[in-house]
Amino acid sequence: MTDQQQIILKMVTGAWETQASRVTKLLNTLLDEKLLSETAPSRNSGLYLVGHLAAVSDALFPLM
């Protein structure tokens, strides 16, 4: 791996960690009732969306 690739990988993982910590901080402030309610009328719940966010986040590891 070249130095440039290592720098890019470090930047990407750093940005991912920053965003993951922000989401974690947000989720820690929300009550369960809020996550279980619909995000908009006749739309999915926040919990459903968090599940998809976790799945996409986990799928990034093989790409790196």
C-alpha atoms as a PDB file:
ATOM      1  CA  MET A   1       0.000   0.000   0.000  1.00  0.00           C
ATOM      2  CA  THR A   2       1.389   3.400  -0.944  1.00  0.00           C
ATOM      3  CA  ASP A   3       1.703   6.333   1.421  1.00  0.00           C
ATOM      4  CA  GLN A   4      -1.084   8.135  -0.408  1.00  0.00           C
ATOM      5  CA  GLN A   5      -3.430   5.154  -0.025  1.00  0.00           C
ATOM      6  CA  GLN A   6      -2.614   4.930   3.677  1.00  0.00           C
ATOM      7  CA  ILE A   7      -3.380   8.629   4.135  1.00  0.00           C
ATOM      8  CA  ILE A   8      -6.694   8.307   2.303  1.00  0.00           C
ATOM      9  CA  LEU A   9      -7.638   5.235   4.329  1.00  0.00           C
ATOM     10  CA  LYS A  10      -6.762   7.046   7.552  1.00  0.00           C
ATOM     11  CA  MET A  11      -8.902  10.029   6.517  1.00  0.00           C
ATOM     12  CA  VAL A  12     -11.861   7.823   5.585  1.00  0.00           C
ATOM     13  CA  THR A  13     -11.746   5.793   8.786  1.00  0.00           C
ATOM     14  CA  GLY A  14     -11.355   8.963  10.847  1.00  0.00           C
ATOM     15  CA  ALA A  15     -14.426  10.507   9.206  1.00  0.00           C
ATOM     16  CA  TRP A  16     -16.387   7.272   9.705  1.00  0.00           C
ATOM     17  CA  GLU A  17     -15.449   7.166  13.396  1.00  0.00           C
ATOM     18  CA  THR A  18     -16.477  10.811  13.828  1.00  0.00           C
ATOM     19  CA  GLN A  19     -19.891  10.255  12.245  1.00  0.00           C
ATOM     20  CA  ALA A  20     -20.435   6.999  14.157  1.00  0.00           C
ATOM     21  CA  SER A  21     -19.708   8.752  17.458  1.00  0.00           C
ATOM     22  CA  ARG A  22     -22.127  11.557  16.550  1.00  0.00           C
ATOM     23  CA  VAL A  23     -24.893   9.061  15.782  1.00  0.00           C
ATOM     24  CA  THR A  24     -24.165   7.201  19.013  1.00  0.00           C
ATOM     25  CA  LYS A  25     -24.340  10.438  20.980  1.00  0.00           C
ATOM     26  CA  LEU A  26     -27.671  11.316  19.346  1.00  0.00           C
ATOM     27  CA  LEU A  27     -29.152   7.868  19.954  1.00  0.00           C
ATOM     28  CA  ASN A  28     -28.115   7.991  23.606  1.00  0.00           C
ATOM     29  CA  THR A  29     -30.181  11.160  24.063  1.00  0.00           C
ATOM     30  CA  LEU A  30     -33.357   9.748  22.486  1.00  0.00           C
ATOM     31  CA  LEU A  31     -35.938   7.888  24.516  1.00  0.00           C
ATOM     32  CA  ASP A  32     -37.127   4.467  23.327  1.00  0.00           C
ATOM     33  CA  GLU A  33     -40.601   5.868  22.692  1.00  0.00           C
ATOM     34  CA  LYS A  34     -39.129   8.416  20.304  1.00  0.00           C
ATOM     35  CA  LEU A  35     -37.257   5.726  18.347  1.00  0.00           C
ATOM     36  CA  LEU A  36     -40.380   3.577  18.121  1.00  0.00           C
ATOM     37  CA  SER A  37     -42.544   6.364  16.716  1.00  0.00           C
ATOM     38  CA  GLU A  38     -42.895   7.034  12.989  1.00  0.00           C
ATOM     39  CA  THR A  39     -40.420   9.497  11.501  1.00  0.00           C
ATOM     40  CA  ALA A  40     -43.258  10.953   9.405  1.00  0.00           C
ATOM     41  CA  PRO A  41     -46.929  10.008   8.937  1.00  0.00           C
ATOM     42  CA  SER A  42     -47.131   6.474   7.473  1.00  0.00           C
ATOM     43  CA  ARG A  43     -43.318   6.118   7.438  1.00  0.00           C
ATOM     44  CA  ASN A  44     -40.838   3.799   9.131  1.00  0.00           C
ATOM     45  CA  SER A  45     -39.885   4.119  12.764  1.00  0.00           C
ATOM     46  CA  GLY A  46     -36.575   5.522  13.920  1.00  0.00           C
ATOM     47  CA  LEU A  47     -35.575   2.060  15.133  1.00  0.00           C
ATOM     48  CA  TYR A  48     -36.045   0.657  11.622  1.00  0.00           C
ATOM     49  CA  LEU A  49     -33.844   3.413  10.205  1.00  0.00           C
ATOM     50  CA  VAL A  50     -31.165   2.820  12.861  1.00  0.00           C
ATOM     51  CA  GLY A  51     -31.119  -0.854  11.867  1.00  0.00           C
ATOM     52  CA  HIS A  52     -30.456   0.058   8.258  1.00  0.00           C
ATOM     53  CA  LEU A  53     -27.770   2.525   9.289  1.00  0.00           C
ATOM     54  CA  ALA A  54     -26.041  -0.204  11.304  1.00  0.00           C
ATOM     55  CA  ALA A  55     -26.243  -2.650   8.392  1.00  0.00           C
ATOM     56  CA  VAL A  56     -24.694  -0.170   5.964  1.00  0.00           C
ATOM     57  CA  SER A  57     -22.005   0.739   8.478  1.00  0.00           C
ATOM     58  CA  ASP A  58     -21.115  -2.934   8.967  1.00  0.00           C
ATOM     59  CA  ALA A  59     -21.000  -3.485   5.215  1.00  0.00           C
ATOM     60  CA  LEU A  60     -18.265  -0.848   4.860  1.00  0.00           C
ATOM     61  CA  PHE A  61     -15.610  -3.005   6.540  1.00  0.00           C
ATOM     62  CA  PRO A  62     -15.175  -5.479   3.636  1.00  0.00           C
ATOM     63  CA  LEU A  63     -14.809  -2.541   1.246  1.00  0.00           C
ATOM     64  CA  MET A  64     -11.869  -1.205   3.198  1.00  0.00           C
END
